[in-house]
C-alpha atoms as a PDB file:
ATOM      1  CA  MET A   1     -61.474 -49.544  26.495  1.00  0.00           C
ATOM      2  CA  LEU A   2     -57.989 -49.006  26.177  1.00  0.00           C
ATOM      3  CA  ALA A   3     -56.352 -48.284  22.873  1.00  0.00           C
ATOM      4  CA  ARG A   4     -52.529 -48.675  21.578  1.00  0.00           C
ATOM      5  CA  LYS A   5     -50.973 -47.590  18.601  1.00  0.00           C
ATOM      6  CA  ILE A   6     -49.827 -50.121  15.953  1.00  0.00           C
ATOM      7  CA  SER A   7     -47.852 -50.563  12.845  1.00  0.00           C
ATOM      8  CA  ARG A   8     -50.365 -52.883  10.714  1.00  0.00           C
ATOM      9  CA  SER A   9     -47.901 -53.988   8.363  1.00  0.00           C
ATOM     10  CA  LYS A  10     -45.697 -55.331  11.178  1.00  0.00           C
ATOM     11  CA  TRP A  11     -48.444 -57.934  12.227  1.00  0.00           C
ATOM     12  CA  ALA A  12     -48.796 -59.498   8.811  1.00  0.00           C
ATOM     13  CA  SER A  13     -47.919 -62.888   8.141  1.00  0.00           C
ATOM     14  CA  LYS A  14     -44.856 -64.452   6.290  1.00  0.00           C
ATOM     15  CA  PRO A  15     -44.671 -67.330   4.241  1.00  0.00           C
ATOM     16  CA  TYR A  16     -42.112 -68.680   6.905  1.00  0.00           C
ATOM     17  CA  LEU A  17     -44.129 -68.099  10.046  1.00  0.00           C
ATOM     18  CA  LYS A  18     -46.428 -70.495  11.383  1.00  0.00           C
ATOM     19  CA  PRO A  19     -50.592 -69.523  10.529  1.00  0.00           C
ATOM     20  CA  ASP A  20     -50.715 -68.109  14.240  1.00  0.00           C
ATOM     21  CA  ALA A  21     -47.133 -67.086  14.871  1.00  0.00           C
ATOM     22  CA  ILE A  22     -46.778 -63.554  16.097  1.00  0.00           C
ATOM     23  CA  ARG A  23     -43.669 -61.769  14.045  1.00  0.00           C
ATOM     24  CA  ALA A  24     -40.843 -60.530  15.944  1.00  0.00           C
ATOM     25  CA  ASP A  25     -40.991 -57.158  14.216  1.00  0.00           C
ATOM     26  CA  ALA A  26     -44.375 -56.693  15.782  1.00  0.00           C
ATOM     27  CA  VAL A  27     -43.763 -57.116  19.196  1.00  0.00           C
ATOM     28  CA  THR A  28     -40.261 -55.455  19.100  1.00  0.00           C
ATOM     29  CA  ASN A  29     -41.862 -52.171  17.115  1.00  0.00           C
ATOM     30  CA  CYS A  30     -45.239 -52.040  18.043  1.00  0.00           C
ATOM     31  CA  LEU A  31     -44.786 -53.107  21.594  1.00  0.00           C
ATOM     32  CA  LYS A  32     -41.769 -51.505  22.948  1.00  0.00           C
ATOM     33  CA  THR A  33     -41.761 -50.940  26.514  1.00  0.00           C
ATOM     34  CA  THR A  34     -39.544 -48.442  28.378  1.00  0.00           C
ATOM     35  CA  ASP A  35     -39.101 -49.445  32.387  1.00  0.00           C
ATOM     36  CA  ASP A  36     -41.413 -52.337  31.857  1.00  0.00           C
ATOM     37  CA  ARG A  37     -44.250 -49.982  30.771  1.00  0.00           C
ATOM     38  CA  LEU A  38     -45.992 -49.773  27.542  1.00  0.00           C
ATOM     39  CA  SER A  39     -48.054 -46.500  26.395  1.00  0.00           C
ATOM     40  CA  LEU A  40     -51.917 -46.909  26.223  1.00  0.00           C
ATOM     41  CA  TRP A  41     -55.206 -44.461  25.997  1.00  0.00           C
ATOM     42  CA  ARG A  42     -58.527 -44.801  27.467  1.00  0.00           C
ATOM     43  CA  CYS A  43     -61.567 -44.420  25.102  1.00  0.00           C
ATOM     44  CA  GLU A  44     -65.316 -45.589  24.707  1.00  0.00           C
ATOM     45  CA  ASP A  45     -66.232 -47.817  22.410  1.00  0.00           C
ATOM     46  CA  ASP A  46     -67.821 -45.838  19.536  1.00  0.00           C
ATOM     47  CA  GLN A  47     -65.719 -44.003  16.608  1.00  0.00           C
ATOM     48  CA  GLN A  48     -66.021 -40.495  17.743  1.00  0.00           C
ATOM     49  CA  ASP A  49     -64.328 -41.600  20.871  1.00  0.00           C
ATOM     50  CA  VAL A  50     -61.620 -43.648  19.603  1.00  0.00           C
ATOM     51  CA  ASP A  51     -61.105 -40.543  17.149  1.00  0.00           C
ATOM     52  CA  GLN A  52     -60.068 -38.285  20.642  1.00  0.00           C
ATOM     53  CA  VAL A  53     -56.933 -41.472  21.113  1.00  0.00           C
ATOM     54  CA  PHE A  54     -56.250 -40.341  17.469  1.00  0.00           C
ATOM     55  CA  LEU A  55     -56.183 -36.569  18.361  1.00  0.00           C
ATOM     56  CA  ALA A  56     -54.026 -37.339  21.585  1.00  0.00           C
ATOM     57  CA  LEU A  57     -51.453 -39.520  19.589  1.00  0.00           C
ATOM     58  CA  ALA A  58     -51.151 -37.044  16.544  1.00  0.00           C
ATOM     59  CA  THR A  59     -50.194 -34.117  18.886  1.00  0.00           C
ATOM     60  CA  GLY A  60     -47.685 -35.321  21.340  1.00  0.00           C
ATOM     61  CA  SER A  61     -44.607 -33.382  21.454  1.00  0.00           C
ATOM     62  CA  LYS A  62     -42.082 -35.818  19.259  1.00  0.00           C
ATOM     63  CA  ILE A  63     -44.750 -35.708  16.750  1.00  0.00           C
ATOM     64  CA  SER A  64     -43.290 -34.236  13.555  1.00  0.00           C
ATOM     65  CA  LYS A  65     -45.808 -35.748  10.892  1.00  0.00           C
ATOM     66  CA  ILE A  66     -48.657 -37.250  11.046  1.00  0.00           C
ATOM     67  CA  ASP A  67     -49.238 -39.961   9.074  1.00  0.00           C
ATOM     68  CA  THR A  68     -52.379 -42.693   8.558  1.00  0.00           C
ATOM     69  CA  MET A  69     -52.361 -44.355  11.816  1.00  0.00           C
ATOM     70  CA  HIS A  70     -54.236 -47.434  13.071  1.00  0.00           C
ATOM     71  CA  VAL A  71     -55.037 -48.245  16.774  1.00  0.00           C
ATOM     72  CA  VAL A  72     -56.749 -51.602  18.196  1.00  0.00           C
ATOM     73  CA  VAL A  73     -59.082 -51.141  21.328  1.00  0.00           C
ATOM     74  CA  LEU A  74     -58.940 -53.427  23.846  1.00  0.00           C
ATOM     75  CA  PRO A  75     -61.414 -54.158  26.876  1.00  0.00           C
ATOM     76  CA  GLU A  76     -59.810 -53.010  30.150  1.00  0.00           C
ATOM     77  CA  LYS A  77     -61.680 -55.779  31.482  1.00  0.00           C
ATOM     78  CA  GLU A  78     -60.307 -58.360  29.512  1.00  0.00           C
ATOM     79  CA  LEU A  79     -56.447 -56.756  30.350  1.00  0.00           C
ATOM     80  CA  GLU A  80     -57.362 -56.883  33.586  1.00  0.00           C
ATOM     81  CA  GLU A  81     -58.397 -60.788  33.533  1.00  0.00           C
ATOM     82  CA  ALA A  82     -55.139 -61.389  31.670  1.00  0.00           C
ATOM     83  CA  GLY A  83     -53.335 -60.384  34.604  1.00  0.00           C
ATOM     84  CA  LEU A  84     -52.197 -57.191  33.225  1.00  0.00           C
ATOM     85  CA  LEU A  85     -52.078 -53.757  35.135  1.00  0.00           C
ATOM     86  CA  THR A  86     -52.343 -50.445  34.404  1.00  0.00           C
ATOM     87  CA  GLU A  87     -51.294 -47.331  36.189  1.00  0.00           C
ATOM     88  CA  ALA A  88     -52.434 -44.098  35.354  1.00  0.00           C
ATOM     89  CA  GLU A  89     -50.076 -41.724  33.844  1.00  0.00           C
ATOM     90  CA  GLY A  90     -50.236 -38.230  32.169  1.00  0.00           C
ATOM     91  CA  GLY A  91     -50.081 -38.535  28.522  1.00  0.00           C
ATOM     92  CA  ASP A  92     -47.673 -36.505  25.915  1.00  0.00           C
ATOM     93  CA  THR A  93     -50.253 -35.068  24.387  1.00  0.00           C
ATOM     94  CA  ALA A  94     -51.100 -31.140  23.247  1.00  0.00           C
ATOM     95  CA  VAL A  95     -54.788 -31.812  24.100  1.00  0.00           C
ATOM     96  CA  GLN A  96     -54.994 -31.047  27.964  1.00  0.00           C
ATOM     97  CA  ASP A  97     -58.656 -32.365  28.392  1.00  0.00           C
ATOM     98  CA  LEU A  98     -56.841 -35.791  26.921  1.00  0.00           C
ATOM     99  CA  GLN A  99     -53.915 -36.123  28.927  1.00  0.00           C
ATOM    100  CA  SER A 100     -55.724 -37.944  31.986  1.00  0.00           C
ATOM    101  CA  ARG A 101     -56.887 -40.625  29.693  1.00  0.00           C
ATOM    102  CA  HIS A 102     -53.724 -42.165  29.365  1.00  0.00           C
ATOM    103  CA  VAL A 103     -52.544 -45.538  31.432  1.00  0.00           C
ATOM    104  CA  ASP A 104     -49.290 -47.465  31.442  1.00  0.00           C
ATOM    105  CA  LEU A 105     -49.377 -51.268  31.298  1.00  0.00           C
ATOM    106  CA  VAL A 106     -46.670 -51.471  34.096  1.00  0.00           C
ATOM    107  CA  CYS A 107     -44.442 -54.340  35.319  1.00  0.00           C
ATOM    108  CA  LEU A 108     -44.496 -55.771  31.738  1.00  0.00           C
ATOM    109  CA  ASP A 109     -42.190 -59.606  31.466  1.00  0.00           C
ATOM    110  CA  LEU A 110     -41.990 -61.745  28.297  1.00  0.00           C
ATOM    111  CA  ASP A 111     -44.948 -63.845  29.228  1.00  0.00           C
ATOM    112  CA  LYS A 112     -46.913 -60.614  29.832  1.00  0.00           C
ATOM    113  CA  LEU A 113     -45.945 -58.817  26.700  1.00  0.00           C
ATOM    114  CA  GLY A 114     -46.835 -62.495  24.921  1.00  0.00           C
ATOM    115  CA  THR A 115     -50.046 -62.193  26.839  1.00  0.00           C
ATOM    116  CA  LEU A 116     -51.179 -59.106  25.397  1.00  0.00           C
ATOM    117  CA  ALA A 117     -49.049 -59.392  21.885  1.00  0.00           C
ATOM    118  CA  ARG A 118     -51.835 -62.378  21.462  1.00  0.00           C
ATOM    119  CA  MET A 119     -54.933 -60.150  22.270  1.00  0.00           C
ATOM    120  CA  LEU A 120     -53.631 -57.700  19.534  1.00  0.00           C
ATOM    121  CA  ALA A 121     -52.731 -60.485  17.372  1.00  0.00           C
ATOM    122  CA  SER A 122     -56.459 -62.292  17.205  1.00  0.00           C
ATOM    123  CA  ARG A 123     -58.140 -58.441  17.354  1.00  0.00           C
ATOM    124  CA  ILE A 124     -55.771 -57.387  14.167  1.00  0.00           C
ATOM    125  CA  LYS A 125     -56.410 -61.023  12.346  1.00  0.00           C
ATOM    126  CA  ASN A 126     -60.127 -60.341  12.754  1.00  0.00           C
ATOM    127  CA  SER A 127     -59.923 -56.961  11.299  1.00  0.00           C
ATOM    128  CA  GLN A 128     -60.793 -55.335  14.641  1.00  0.00           C
ATOM    129  CA  VAL A 129     -58.547 -52.535  13.350  1.00  0.00           C
ATOM    130  CA  VAL A 130     -59.599 -49.007  13.912  1.00  0.00           C
ATOM    131  CA  SER A 131     -57.617 -46.539  11.449  1.00  0.00           C
ATOM    132  CA  ARG A 132     -57.870 -42.769   9.946  1.00  0.00           C
ATOM    133  CA  SER A 133     -56.049 -41.113   6.905  1.00  0.00           C
ATOM    134  CA  GLU A 134     -53.213 -38.493   7.209  1.00  0.00           C
ATOM    135  CA  LYS A 135     -56.693 -35.934   6.112  1.00  0.00           C
ATOM    136  CA  GLN A 136     -58.754 -37.513   8.697  1.00  0.00           C
ATOM    137  CA  ILE A 137     -56.320 -36.721  11.389  1.00  0.00           C
ATOM    138  CA  LYS A 138     -54.962 -33.377  10.295  1.00  0.00           C
ATOM    139  CA  THR A 139     -58.810 -32.816  10.017  1.00  0.00           C
ATOM    140  CA  LEU A 140     -59.260 -33.701  13.673  1.00  0.00           C
ATOM    141  CA  VAL A 141     -56.319 -31.402  15.044  1.00  0.00           C
ATOM    142  CA  ARG A 142     -57.326 -28.622  12.990  1.00  0.00           C
ATOM    143  CA  GLU A 143     -60.701 -28.994  14.367  1.00  0.00           C
ATOM    144  CA  ALA A 144     -59.257 -29.153  18.354  1.00  0.00           C
ATOM    145  CA  VAL A 145     -57.231 -25.772  17.419  1.00  0.00           C
ATOM    146  CA  GLY A 146     -60.307 -24.208  16.108  1.00  0.00           C
ATOM    147  CA  GLU A 147     -62.067 -25.310  19.370  1.00  0.00           C
ATOM    148  CA  GLY A 148     -58.791 -23.957  21.612  1.00  0.00           C
ATOM    149  CA  ARG A 149     -58.462 -27.515  22.877  1.00  0.00           C
ATOM    150  CA  VAL A 150     -54.550 -27.196  21.217  1.00  0.00           C
ATOM    151  CA  GLN A 151     -52.489 -24.329  21.237  1.00  0.00           C
ATOM    152  CA  GLN A 152     -50.662 -24.254  17.958  1.00  0.00           C
ATOM    153  CA  ASP A 153     -47.641 -23.529  20.246  1.00  0.00           C
ATOM    154  CA  ASP A 154     -47.952 -26.743  21.977  1.00  0.00           C
ATOM    155  CA  LEU A 155     -47.382 -28.626  18.648  1.00  0.00           C
ATOM    156  CA  SER A 156     -43.942 -29.110  17.069  1.00  0.00           C
ATOM    157  CA  GLU A 157     -42.624 -26.960  14.713  1.00  0.00           C
ATOM    158  CA  GLN A 158     -42.372 -29.322  12.022  1.00  0.00           C
ATOM    159  CA  LEU A 159     -46.265 -30.337  12.633  1.00  0.00           C
ATOM    160  CA  ARG A 160     -47.221 -26.873  12.627  1.00  0.00           C
ATOM    161  CA  GLN A 161     -46.041 -26.227   9.505  1.00  0.00           C
ATOM    162  CA  GLU A 162     -46.985 -29.329   7.965  1.00  0.00           C
ATOM    163  CA  LEU A 163     -51.046 -28.053   9.130  1.00  0.00           C
ATOM    164  CA  THR A 164     -50.352 -25.094   7.604  1.00  0.00           C
ATOM    165  CA  ALA A 165     -48.977 -26.086   4.377  1.00  0.00           C
ATOM    166  CA  SER A 166     -51.525 -28.492   3.199  1.00  0.00           C
ATOM    167  CA  ASN A 167     -54.449 -26.162   4.324  1.00  0.00           C
END
């Protein structure tokens, strides 16, 4: 399975759109590419393993605040069958043992991005979104620190302060 973080509100329908239309905000915000690549995380199809995706995302080098997060989990085989290619790429997370779970969708163009957007939209419409609250994610990070999987010095200063302040 491959998971992608989304902003659920960007996928909500608007009255001016056709019923199956995908909002431009969903594509331009949730599917922002760099060098025709898009970041995803490997996971098993069970809640505990999906929690590892939330942990990886919450401990990225650019993360300064933890908020509620939403991810959509897609079968990797469906992506492959749709012609979407993946490439292993070490992930931006302070959790060393999760870095190798990161992959990029590569060689993306408008058609392939549209295919992915339709796959995500279908799952979102069918309530196949996994969400974790701010509190749940902070607990995951604190547990990882306690287990020695995350070194506090590897987290941003703002995130360290937030985790300490809300203890």
